[in-house]
Amino acid sequence: MVKKAVRMKVYPDKHEEYKKRHDELWPEMEQMLKEHGALSYSIFLDIETSTLFGYLEIEDEIRWSQTAQTEINQKWWTHMEDIMETNPDHSPVAVDLLPVFEL
């Protein structure tokens, strides 16, 4: 199992919408994540800074990296681009975080 953490940003006035869209996650998106090795995926919000912290447990990096090319993921990125910081390809601006401690 591989543990990953990422930092992203949601627009300050879109916190509730971000949560709503994830509460209503499309079944085909959930299926794709699981098919690509997601064992666990949690996202936390720092309300003061609008920073999102994503924590994932995946089976392997290569399989996980293929999620970006799936049609459903491309559709999800387009669906989310109006409420968070994104790159020109509509993917979220995400910074990988380095592990420094584990108990």
PDB file of N, CA and C in Angstrom:
ATOM      1  N   MET A   1       0.833  -1.179   0.000  1.00  0.00           N
ATOM      2  CA  MET A   1       0.000   0.000   0.000  1.00  0.00           C
ATOM      3  C   MET A   1       0.881   1.246   0.000  1.00  0.00           C
ATOM      4  N   VAL A   2       0.464   2.250  -0.768  1.00  0.00           N
ATOM      5  CA  VAL A   2       1.165   3.518  -0.870  1.00  0.00           C
ATOM      6  C   VAL A   2       0.281   4.599  -0.252  1.00  0.00           C
ATOM      7  N   LYS A   3       0.864   5.424   0.602  1.00  0.00           N
ATOM      8  CA  LYS A   3       0.138   6.538   1.208  1.00  0.00           C
ATOM      9  C   LYS A   3       0.547   7.819   0.497  1.00  0.00           C
ATOM     10  N   LYS A   4      -0.455   8.625   0.143  1.00  0.00           N
ATOM     11  CA  LYS A   4      -0.197   9.872  -0.564  1.00  0.00           C
ATOM     12  C   LYS A   4      -0.973  10.997   0.102  1.00  0.00           C
ATOM     13  N   ALA A   5      -0.425  12.199   0.046  1.00  0.00           N
ATOM     14  CA  ALA A   5      -1.126  13.378   0.537  1.00  0.00           C
ATOM     15  C   ALA A   5      -0.914  14.505  -0.465  1.00  0.00           C
ATOM     16  N   VAL A   6      -1.971  15.268  -0.702  1.00  0.00           N
ATOM     17  CA  VAL A   6      -1.897  16.395  -1.638  1.00  0.00           C
ATOM     18  C   VAL A   6      -2.587  17.608  -1.033  1.00  0.00           C
ATOM     19  N   ARG A   7      -2.152  18.776  -1.493  1.00  0.00           N
ATOM     20  CA  ARG A   7      -2.753  20.047  -1.098  1.00  0.00           C
ATOM     21  C   ARG A   7      -3.387  20.677  -2.330  1.00  0.00           C
ATOM     22  N   MET A   8      -4.621  21.166  -2.189  1.00  0.00           N
ATOM     23  CA  MET A   8      -5.328  21.840  -3.275  1.00  0.00           C
ATOM     24  C   MET A   8      -6.037  23.061  -2.691  1.00  0.00           C
ATOM     25  N   LYS A   9      -6.684  23.850  -3.540  1.00  0.00           N
ATOM     26  CA  LYS A   9      -7.395  25.038  -3.074  1.00  0.00           C
ATOM     27  C   LYS A   9      -8.792  25.075  -3.680  1.00  0.00           C
ATOM     28  N   VAL A  10      -9.756  25.342  -2.814  1.00  0.00           N
ATOM     29  CA  VAL A  10     -11.131  25.586  -3.252  1.00  0.00           C
ATOM     30  C   VAL A  10     -11.373  27.087  -3.087  1.00  0.00           C
ATOM     31  N   TYR A  11     -12.198  27.675  -3.944  1.00  0.00           N
ATOM     32  CA  TYR A  11     -12.473  29.103  -3.818  1.00  0.00           C
ATOM     33  C   TYR A  11     -13.224  29.358  -2.510  1.00  0.00           C
ATOM     34  N   PRO A  12     -12.896  30.471  -1.819  1.00  0.00           N
ATOM     35  CA  PRO A  12     -13.480  30.736  -0.495  1.00  0.00           C
ATOM     36  C   PRO A  12     -15.006  30.706  -0.450  1.00  0.00           C
ATOM     37  N   ASP A  13     -15.655  31.128  -1.497  1.00  0.00           N
ATOM     38  CA  ASP A  13     -17.125  31.142  -1.491  1.00  0.00           C
ATOM     39  C   ASP A  13     -17.737  29.846  -2.011  1.00  0.00           C
ATOM     40  N   LYS A  14     -16.911  28.811  -2.213  1.00  0.00           N
ATOM     41  CA  LYS A  14     -17.391  27.549  -2.793  1.00  0.00           C
ATOM     42  C   LYS A  14     -17.210  26.347  -1.862  1.00  0.00           C
ATOM     43  N   HIS A  15     -16.949  26.571  -0.589  1.00  0.00           N
ATOM     44  CA  HIS A  15     -16.746  25.468   0.351  1.00  0.00           C
ATOM     45  C   HIS A  15     -17.947  24.521   0.378  1.00  0.00           C
ATOM     46  N   GLU A  16     -19.131  25.083   0.522  1.00  0.00           N
ATOM     47  CA  GLU A  16     -20.336  24.245   0.609  1.00  0.00           C
ATOM     48  C   GLU A  16     -20.584  23.488  -0.690  1.00  0.00           C
ATOM     49  N   GLU A  17     -20.368  24.150  -1.812  1.00  0.00           N
ATOM     50  CA  GLU A  17     -20.576  23.490  -3.112  1.00  0.00           C
ATOM     51  C   GLU A  17     -19.576  22.358  -3.305  1.00  0.00           C
ATOM     52  N   TYR A  18     -18.330  22.576  -2.886  1.00  0.00           N
ATOM     53  CA  TYR A  18     -17.317  21.530  -2.987  1.00  0.00           C
ATOM     54  C   TYR A  18     -17.749  20.291  -2.207  1.00  0.00           C
ATOM     55  N   LYS A  19     -18.195  20.505  -0.974  1.00  0.00           N
ATOM     56  CA  LYS A  19     -18.655  19.383  -0.153  1.00  0.00           C
ATOM     57  C   LYS A  19     -19.866  18.709  -0.784  1.00  0.00           C
ATOM     58  N   LYS A  20     -20.811  19.499  -1.272  1.00  0.00           N
ATOM     59  CA  LYS A  20     -22.019  18.953  -1.898  1.00  0.00           C
ATOM     60  C   LYS A  20     -21.666  18.054  -3.077  1.00  0.00           C
ATOM     61  N   ARG A  21     -20.773  18.503  -3.923  1.00  0.00           N
ATOM     62  CA  ARG A  21     -20.401  17.705  -5.099  1.00  0.00           C
ATOM     63  C   ARG A  21     -19.735  16.394  -4.700  1.00  0.00           C
ATOM     64  N   HIS A  22     -18.982  16.405  -3.633  1.00  0.00           N
ATOM     65  CA  HIS A  22     -18.364  15.156  -3.172  1.00  0.00           C
ATOM     66  C   HIS A  22     -19.364  14.267  -2.434  1.00  0.00           C
ATOM     67  N   ASP A  23     -20.312  14.877  -1.745  1.00  0.00           N
ATOM     68  CA  ASP A  23     -21.386  14.087  -1.120  1.00  0.00           C
ATOM     69  C   ASP A  23     -22.212  13.361  -2.179  1.00  0.00           C
ATOM     70  N   GLU A  24     -22.267  13.956  -3.363  1.00  0.00           N
ATOM     71  CA  GLU A  24     -23.032  13.394  -4.477  1.00  0.00           C
ATOM     72  C   GLU A  24     -22.108  12.801  -5.551  1.00  0.00           C
ATOM     73  N   LEU A  25     -20.955  12.294  -5.129  1.00  0.00           N
ATOM     74  CA  LEU A  25     -19.976  11.738  -6.061  1.00  0.00           C
ATOM     75  C   LEU A  25     -20.637  10.744  -7.008  1.00  0.00           C
ATOM     76  N   TRP A  26     -20.372  10.918  -8.287  1.00  0.00           N
ATOM     77  CA  TRP A  26     -20.959  10.037  -9.294  1.00  0.00           C
ATOM     78  C   TRP A  26     -20.514   8.596  -9.038  1.00  0.00           C
ATOM     79  N   PRO A  27     -21.438   7.636  -9.108  1.00  0.00           N
ATOM     80  CA  PRO A  27     -21.079   6.229  -8.891  1.00  0.00           C
ATOM     81  C   PRO A  27     -19.978   5.753  -9.830  1.00  0.00           C
ATOM     82  N   GLU A  28     -19.990   6.206 -11.077  1.00  0.00           N
ATOM     83  CA  GLU A  28     -18.961   5.775 -12.021  1.00  0.00           C
ATOM     84  C   GLU A  28     -17.588   6.360 -11.682  1.00  0.00           C
ATOM     85  N   MET A  29     -17.568   7.514 -11.011  1.00  0.00           N
ATOM     86  CA  MET A  29     -16.301   8.089 -10.558  1.00  0.00           C
ATOM     87  C   MET A  29     -15.753   7.258  -9.394  1.00  0.00           C
ATOM     88  N   GLU A  30     -16.612   6.913  -8.458  1.00  0.00           N
ATOM     89  CA  GLU A  30     -16.194   6.065  -7.338  1.00  0.00           C
ATOM     90  C   GLU A  30     -15.683   4.719  -7.840  1.00  0.00           C
ATOM     91  N   GLN A  31     -16.374   4.150  -8.798  1.00  0.00           N
ATOM     92  CA  GLN A  31     -15.965   2.865  -9.362  1.00  0.00           C
ATOM     93  C   GLN A  31     -14.595   2.971 -10.016  1.00  0.00           C
ATOM     94  N   MET A  32     -14.369   4.033 -10.793  1.00  0.00           N
ATOM     95  CA  MET A  32     -13.079   4.221 -11.456  1.00  0.00           C
ATOM     96  C   MET A  32     -11.952   4.340 -10.438  1.00  0.00           C
ATOM     97  N   LEU A  33     -12.179   5.102  -9.359  1.00  0.00           N
ATOM     98  CA  LEU A  33     -11.144   5.256  -8.330  1.00  0.00           C
ATOM     99  C   LEU A  33     -10.775   3.905  -7.726  1.00  0.00           C
ATOM    100  N   LYS A  34     -11.781   3.110  -7.416  1.00  0.00           N
ATOM    101  CA  LYS A  34     -11.531   1.788  -6.839  1.00  0.00           C
ATOM    102  C   LYS A  34     -10.838   0.870  -7.841  1.00  0.00           C
ATOM    103  N   GLU A  35     -11.253   0.928  -9.110  1.00  0.00           N
ATOM    104  CA  GLU A  35     -10.632   0.094 -10.140  1.00  0.00           C
ATOM    105  C   GLU A  35      -9.167   0.448 -10.357  1.00  0.00           C
ATOM    106  N   HIS A  36      -8.799   1.685 -10.038  1.00  0.00           N
ATOM    107  CA  HIS A  36      -7.417   2.122 -10.213  1.00  0.00           C
ATOM    108  C   HIS A  36      -6.631   2.052  -8.904  1.00  0.00           C
ATOM    109  N   GLY A  37      -7.143   1.295  -7.943  1.00  0.00           N
ATOM    110  CA  GLY A  37      -6.364   0.980  -6.760  1.00  0.00           C
ATOM    111  C   GLY A  37      -6.554   1.864  -5.547  1.00  0.00           C
ATOM    112  N   ALA A  38      -7.580   2.726  -5.539  1.00  0.00           N
ATOM    113  CA  ALA A  38      -7.827   3.537  -4.348  1.00  0.00           C
ATOM    114  C   ALA A  38      -8.428   2.659  -3.259  1.00  0.00           C
ATOM    115  N   LEU A  39      -7.728   2.532  -2.174  1.00  0.00           N
ATOM    116  CA  LEU A  39      -8.217   1.772  -1.026  1.00  0.00           C
ATOM    117  C   LEU A  39      -8.954   2.691  -0.063  1.00  0.00           C
ATOM    118  N   SER A  40      -8.530   3.947  -0.030  1.00  0.00           N
ATOM    119  CA  SER A  40      -9.116   4.951   0.850  1.00  0.00           C
ATOM    120  C   SER A  40      -8.785   6.325   0.277  1.00  0.00           C
ATOM    121  N   TYR A  41      -9.726   7.257   0.381  1.00  0.00           N
ATOM    122  CA  TYR A  41      -9.495   8.617  -0.115  1.00  0.00           C
ATOM    123  C   TYR A  41     -10.307   9.562   0.746  1.00  0.00           C
ATOM    124  N   SER A  42      -9.630  10.453   1.442  1.00  0.00           N
ATOM    125  CA  SER A  42     -10.285  11.441   2.303  1.00  0.00           C
ATOM    126  C   SER A  42      -9.793  12.826   1.918  1.00  0.00           C
ATOM    127  N   ILE A  43     -10.687  13.806   2.018  1.00  0.00           N
ATOM    128  CA  ILE A  43     -10.318  15.193   1.758  1.00  0.00           C
ATOM    129  C   ILE A  43     -10.784  16.023   2.953  1.00  0.00           C
ATOM    130  N   PHE A  44      -9.895  16.888   3.444  1.00  0.00           N
ATOM    131  CA  PHE A  44     -10.193  17.758   4.571  1.00  0.00           C
ATOM    132  C   PHE A  44     -10.048  19.208   4.117  1.00  0.00           C
ATOM    133  N   LEU A  45     -10.814  20.117   4.738  1.00  0.00           N
ATOM    134  CA  LEU A  45     -10.795  21.532   4.385  1.00  0.00           C
ATOM    135  C   LEU A  45     -10.339  22.374   5.562  1.00  0.00           C
ATOM    136  N   ASP A  46      -9.368  23.253   5.320  1.00  0.00           N
ATOM    137  CA  ASP A  46      -9.003  24.293   6.281  1.00  0.00           C
ATOM    138  C   ASP A  46      -9.839  25.507   5.892  1.00  0.00           C
ATOM    139  N   ILE A  47     -10.889  25.772   6.640  1.00  0.00           N
ATOM    140  CA  ILE A  47     -11.838  26.834   6.291  1.00  0.00           C
ATOM    141  C   ILE A  47     -11.164  28.201   6.220  1.00  0.00           C
ATOM    142  N   GLU A  48     -10.211  28.474   7.096  1.00  0.00           N
ATOM    143  CA  GLU A  48      -9.569  29.792   7.136  1.00  0.00           C
ATOM    144  C   GLU A  48      -8.765  30.102   5.882  1.00  0.00           C
ATOM    145  N   THR A  49      -8.156  29.078   5.269  1.00  0.00           N
ATOM    146  CA  THR A  49      -7.294  29.319   4.111  1.00  0.00           C
ATOM    147  C   THR A  49      -7.862  28.757   2.808  1.00  0.00           C
ATOM    148  N   SER A  50      -8.994  28.049   2.885  1.00  0.00           N
ATOM    149  CA  SER A  50      -9.601  27.372   1.724  1.00  0.00           C
ATOM    150  C   SER A  50      -8.680  26.302   1.141  1.00  0.00           C
ATOM    151  N   THR A  51      -7.773  25.810   1.972  1.00  0.00           N
ATOM    152  CA  THR A  51      -6.856  24.763   1.547  1.00  0.00           C
ATOM    153  C   THR A  51      -7.488  23.404   1.783  1.00  0.00           C
ATOM    154  N   LEU A  52      -7.389  22.550   0.768  1.00  0.00           N
ATOM    155  CA  LEU A  52      -7.854  21.179   0.860  1.00  0.00           C
ATOM    156  C   LEU A  52      -6.651  20.273   1.090  1.00  0.00           C
ATOM    157  N   PHE A  53      -6.821  19.292   1.947  1.00  0.00           N
ATOM    158  CA  PHE A  53      -5.795  18.296   2.205  1.00  0.00           C
ATOM    159  C   PHE A  53      -6.389  16.946   1.826  1.00  0.00           C
ATOM    160  N   GLY A  54      -5.824  16.320   0.806  1.00  0.00           N
ATOM    161  CA  GLY A  54      -6.292  15.009   0.382  1.00  0.00           C
ATOM    162  C   GLY A  54      -5.341  13.937   0.864  1.00  0.00           C
ATOM    163  N   TYR A  55      -5.908  12.873   1.422  1.00  0.00           N
ATOM    164  CA  TYR A  55      -5.112  11.736   1.885  1.00  0.00           C
ATOM    165  C   TYR A  55      -5.627  10.489   1.186  1.00  0.00           C
ATOM    166  N   LEU A  56      -4.708   9.766   0.529  1.00  0.00           N
ATOM    167  CA  LEU A  56      -5.077   8.569  -0.221  1.00  0.00           C
ATOM    168  C   LEU A  56      -4.224   7.385   0.198  1.00  0.00           C
ATOM    169  N   GLU A  57      -4.834   6.236   0.151  1.00  0.00           N
ATOM    170  CA  GLU A  57      -4.103   4.979   0.260  1.00  0.00           C
ATOM    171  C   GLU A  57      -4.414   4.232  -1.025  1.00  0.00           C
ATOM    172  N   ILE A  58      -3.361   3.940  -1.786  1.00  0.00           N
ATOM    173  CA  ILE A  58      -3.520   3.317  -3.096  1.00  0.00           C
ATOM    174  C   ILE A  58      -2.694   2.042  -3.180  1.00  0.00           C
ATOM    175  N   GLU A  59      -3.020   1.224  -4.167  1.00  0.00           N
ATOM    176  CA  GLU A  59      -2.284  -0.035  -4.330  1.00  0.00           C
ATOM    177  C   GLU A  59      -0.911   0.184  -4.956  1.00  0.00           C
ATOM    178  N   ASP A  60      -0.832   1.022  -5.997  1.00  0.00           N
ATOM    179  CA  ASP A  60       0.479   1.337  -6.583  1.00  0.00           C
ATOM    180  C   ASP A  60       0.391   2.607  -7.420  1.00  0.00           C
ATOM    181  N   GLU A  61       1.524   3.273  -7.550  1.00  0.00           N
ATOM    182  CA  GLU A  61       1.601   4.570  -8.231  1.00  0.00           C
ATOM    183  C   GLU A  61       1.266   4.482  -9.723  1.00  0.00           C
ATOM    184  N   ILE A  62       1.759   3.465 -10.396  1.00  0.00           N
ATOM    185  CA  ILE A  62       1.546   3.354 -11.848  1.00  0.00           C
ATOM    186  C   ILE A  62       0.063   3.237 -12.166  1.00  0.00           C
ATOM    187  N   ARG A  63      -0.608   2.333 -11.488  1.00  0.00           N
ATOM    188  CA  ARG A  63      -2.046   2.157 -11.709  1.00  0.00           C
ATOM    189  C   ARG A  63      -2.806   3.438 -11.382  1.00  0.00           C
ATOM    190  N   TRP A  64      -2.447   4.085 -10.272  1.00  0.00           N
ATOM    191  CA  TRP A  64      -3.126   5.313  -9.866  1.00  0.00           C
ATOM    192  C   TRP A  64      -2.913   6.426 -10.888  1.00  0.00           C
ATOM    193  N   SER A  65      -1.716   6.530 -11.442  1.00  0.00           N
ATOM    194  CA  SER A  65      -1.418   7.600 -12.396  1.00  0.00           C
ATOM    195  C   SER A  65      -2.294   7.524 -13.647  1.00  0.00           C
ATOM    196  N   GLN A  66      -2.851   6.376 -13.922  1.00  0.00           N
ATOM    197  CA  GLN A  66      -3.700   6.196 -15.104  1.00  0.00           C
ATOM    198  C   GLN A  66      -5.094   6.807 -14.929  1.00  0.00           C
ATOM    199  N   THR A  67      -5.458   7.206 -13.706  1.00  0.00           N
ATOM    200  CA  THR A  67      -6.775   7.815 -13.490  1.00  0.00           C
ATOM    201  C   THR A  67      -6.940   9.095 -14.305  1.00  0.00           C
ATOM    202  N   ALA A  68      -5.856   9.840 -14.457  1.00  0.00           N
ATOM    203  CA  ALA A  68      -5.924  11.126 -15.152  1.00  0.00           C
ATOM    204  C   ALA A  68      -6.395  10.995 -16.593  1.00  0.00           C
ATOM    205  N   GLN A  69      -6.148   9.847 -17.221  1.00  0.00           N
ATOM    206  CA  GLN A  69      -6.513   9.660 -18.621  1.00  0.00           C
ATOM    207  C   GLN A  69      -7.919   9.099 -18.813  1.00  0.00           C
ATOM    208  N   THR A  70      -8.613   8.761 -17.733  1.00  0.00           N
ATOM    209  CA  THR A  70      -9.942   8.170 -17.909  1.00  0.00           C
ATOM    210  C   THR A  70     -10.957   9.239 -18.298  1.00  0.00           C
ATOM    211  N   GLU A  71     -11.922   8.832 -19.078  1.00  0.00           N
ATOM    212  CA  GLU A  71     -12.965   9.758 -19.532  1.00  0.00           C
ATOM    213  C   GLU A  71     -13.745  10.340 -18.350  1.00  0.00           C
ATOM    214  N   ILE A  72     -14.069   9.502 -17.363  1.00  0.00           N
ATOM    215  CA  ILE A  72     -14.853   9.978 -16.227  1.00  0.00           C
ATOM    216  C   ILE A  72     -14.067  10.973 -15.391  1.00  0.00           C
ATOM    217  N   ASN A  73     -12.760  10.791 -15.258  1.00  0.00           N
ATOM    218  CA  ASN A  73     -11.946  11.743 -14.498  1.00  0.00           C
ATOM    219  C   ASN A  73     -11.856  13.073 -15.236  1.00  0.00           C
ATOM    220  N   GLN A  74     -11.709  13.026 -16.543  1.00  0.00           N
ATOM    221  CA  GLN A  74     -11.688  14.257 -17.340  1.00  0.00           C
ATOM    222  C   GLN A  74     -13.004  15.024 -17.170  1.00  0.00           C
ATOM    223  N   LYS A  75     -14.104  14.296 -17.158  1.00  0.00           N
ATOM    224  CA  LYS A  75     -15.426  14.900 -16.965  1.00  0.00           C
ATOM    225  C   LYS A  75     -15.528  15.517 -15.565  1.00  0.00           C
ATOM    226  N   TRP A  76     -15.005  14.810 -14.548  1.00  0.00           N
ATOM    227  CA  TRP A  76     -15.030  15.316 -13.172  1.00  0.00           C
ATOM    228  C   TRP A  76     -14.224  16.608 -13.050  1.00  0.00           C
ATOM    229  N   TRP A  77     -13.041  16.629 -13.650  1.00  0.00           N
ATOM    230  CA  TRP A  77     -12.223  17.840 -13.597  1.00  0.00           C
ATOM    231  C   TRP A  77     -12.973  19.034 -14.171  1.00  0.00           C
ATOM    232  N   THR A  78     -13.629  18.841 -15.301  1.00  0.00           N
ATOM    233  CA  THR A  78     -14.399  19.924 -15.923  1.00  0.00           C
ATOM    234  C   THR A  78     -15.537  20.351 -14.996  1.00  0.00           C
ATOM    235  N   HIS A  79     -16.161  19.393 -14.351  1.00  0.00           N
ATOM    236  CA  HIS A  79     -17.257  19.648 -13.413  1.00  0.00           C
ATOM    237  C   HIS A  79     -16.788  20.478 -12.216  1.00  0.00           C
ATOM    238  N   MET A  80     -15.541  20.313 -11.816  1.00  0.00           N
ATOM    239  CA  MET A  80     -15.029  20.968 -10.610  1.00  0.00           C
ATOM    240  C   MET A  80     -14.278  22.276 -10.871  1.00  0.00           C
ATOM    241  N   GLU A  81     -13.946  22.573 -12.114  1.00  0.00           N
ATOM    242  CA  GLU A  81     -13.067  23.708 -12.379  1.00  0.00           C
ATOM    243  C   GLU A  81     -13.641  25.062 -11.988  1.00  0.00           C
ATOM    244  N   ASP A  82     -14.953  25.175 -11.870  1.00  0.00           N
ATOM    245  CA  ASP A  82     -15.537  26.470 -11.515  1.00  0.00           C
ATOM    246  C   ASP A  82     -15.496  26.757 -10.017  1.00  0.00           C
ATOM    247  N   ILE A  83     -15.066  25.783  -9.212  1.00  0.00           N
ATOM    248  CA  ILE A  83     -15.076  26.002  -7.766  1.00  0.00           C
ATOM    249  C   ILE A  83     -13.703  25.839  -7.106  1.00  0.00           C
ATOM    250  N   MET A  84     -12.679  25.530  -7.920  1.00  0.00           N
ATOM    251  CA  MET A  84     -11.351  25.361  -7.327  1.00  0.00           C
ATOM    252  C   MET A  84     -10.258  25.770  -8.302  1.00  0.00           C
ATOM    253  N   GLU A  85      -9.063  25.956  -7.783  1.00  0.00           N
ATOM    254  CA  GLU A  85      -7.927  26.306  -8.637  1.00  0.00           C
ATOM    255  C   GLU A  85      -7.592  25.117  -9.531  1.00  0.00           C
ATOM    256  N   THR A  86      -7.461  25.392 -10.843  1.00  0.00           N
ATOM    257  CA  THR A  86      -7.185  24.324 -11.800  1.00  0.00           C
ATOM    258  C   THR A  86      -6.084  24.728 -12.771  1.00  0.00           C
ATOM    259  N   ASN A  87      -5.519  23.707 -13.402  1.00  0.00           N
ATOM    260  CA  ASN A  87      -4.519  23.874 -14.446  1.00  0.00           C
ATOM    261  C   ASN A  87      -5.223  24.045 -15.791  1.00  0.00           C
ATOM    262  N   PRO A  88      -4.466  24.407 -16.854  1.00  0.00           N
ATOM    263  CA  PRO A  88      -5.078  24.555 -18.175  1.00  0.00           C
ATOM    264  C   PRO A  88      -5.815  23.299 -18.682  1.00  0.00           C
ATOM    265  N   ASP A  89      -5.402  22.108 -18.230  1.00  0.00           N
ATOM    266  CA  ASP A  89      -6.085  20.876 -18.660  1.00  0.00           C
ATOM    267  C   ASP A  89      -7.287  20.546 -17.772  1.00  0.00           C
ATOM    268  N   HIS A  90      -7.675  21.497 -16.903  1.00  0.00           N
ATOM    269  CA  HIS A  90      -8.813  21.382 -15.976  1.00  0.00           C
ATOM    270  C   HIS A  90      -8.506  20.557 -14.733  1.00  0.00           C
ATOM    271  N   SER A  91      -7.335  19.942 -14.634  1.00  0.00           N
ATOM    272  CA  SER A  91      -6.973  19.189 -13.435  1.00  0.00           C
ATOM    273  C   SER A  91      -6.799  20.163 -12.275  1.00  0.00           C
ATOM    274  N   PRO A  92      -7.067  19.719 -11.064  1.00  0.00           N
ATOM    275  CA  PRO A  92      -6.849  20.610  -9.922  1.00  0.00           C
ATOM    276  C   PRO A  92      -5.368  20.912  -9.736  1.00  0.00           C
ATOM    277  N   VAL A  93      -5.073  22.135  -9.343  1.00  0.00           N
ATOM    278  CA  VAL A  93      -3.706  22.458  -8.959  1.00  0.00           C
ATOM    279  C   VAL A  93      -3.462  21.697  -7.661  1.00  0.00           C
ATOM    280  N   ALA A  94      -2.572  20.726  -7.711  1.00  0.00           N
ATOM    281  CA  ALA A  94      -2.326  19.853  -6.563  1.00  0.00           C
ATOM    282  C   ALA A  94      -0.831  19.765  -6.297  1.00  0.00           C
ATOM    283  N   VAL A  95      -0.471  19.916  -5.051  1.00  0.00           N
ATOM    284  CA  VAL A  95       0.924  19.814  -4.628  1.00  0.00           C
ATOM    285  C   VAL A  95       1.060  18.564  -3.777  1.00  0.00           C
ATOM    286  N   ASP A  96       1.937  17.657  -4.186  1.00  0.00           N
ATOM    287  CA  ASP A  96       2.200  16.464  -3.387  1.00  0.00           C
ATOM    288  C   ASP A  96       2.904  16.868  -2.109  1.00  0.00           C
ATOM    289  N   LEU A  97       2.482  16.296  -1.004  1.00  0.00           N
ATOM    290  CA  LEU A  97       3.107  16.577   0.283  1.00  0.00           C
ATOM    291  C   LEU A  97       4.043  15.432   0.659  1.00  0.00           C
ATOM    292  N   LEU A  98       5.142  15.772   1.279  1.00  0.00           N
ATOM    293  CA  LEU A  98       6.139  14.774   1.664  1.00  0.00           C
ATOM    294  C   LEU A  98       5.840  14.226   3.053  1.00  0.00           C
ATOM    295  N   PRO A  99       5.916  12.907   3.207  1.00  0.00           N
ATOM    296  CA  PRO A  99       5.714  12.351   4.542  1.00  0.00           C
ATOM    297  C   PRO A  99       6.898  12.686   5.439  1.00  0.00           C
ATOM    298  N   VAL A 100       6.600  13.081   6.665  1.00  0.00           N
ATOM    299  CA  VAL A 100       7.664  13.410   7.612  1.00  0.00           C
ATOM    300  C   VAL A 100       7.523  12.673   8.945  1.00  0.00           C
ATOM    301  N   PHE A 101       6.348  12.103   9.223  1.00  0.00           N
ATOM    302  CA  PHE A 101       6.163  11.382  10.480  1.00  0.00           C
ATOM    303  C   PHE A 101       4.981  10.443  10.347  1.00  0.00           C
ATOM    304  N   GLU A 102       5.110   9.274  10.961  1.00  0.00           N
ATOM    305  CA  GLU A 102       3.999   8.333  11.041  1.00  0.00           C
ATOM    306  C   GLU A 102       4.127   7.557  12.330  1.00  0.00           C
ATOM    307  N   LEU A 103       3.045   7.406  13.037  1.00  0.00           N
ATOM    308  CA  LEU A 103       3.040   6.660  14.292  1.00  0.00           C
ATOM    309  C   LEU A 103       2.445   5.291  14.052  1.00  0.00           C
TER     310      LEU A 103
END
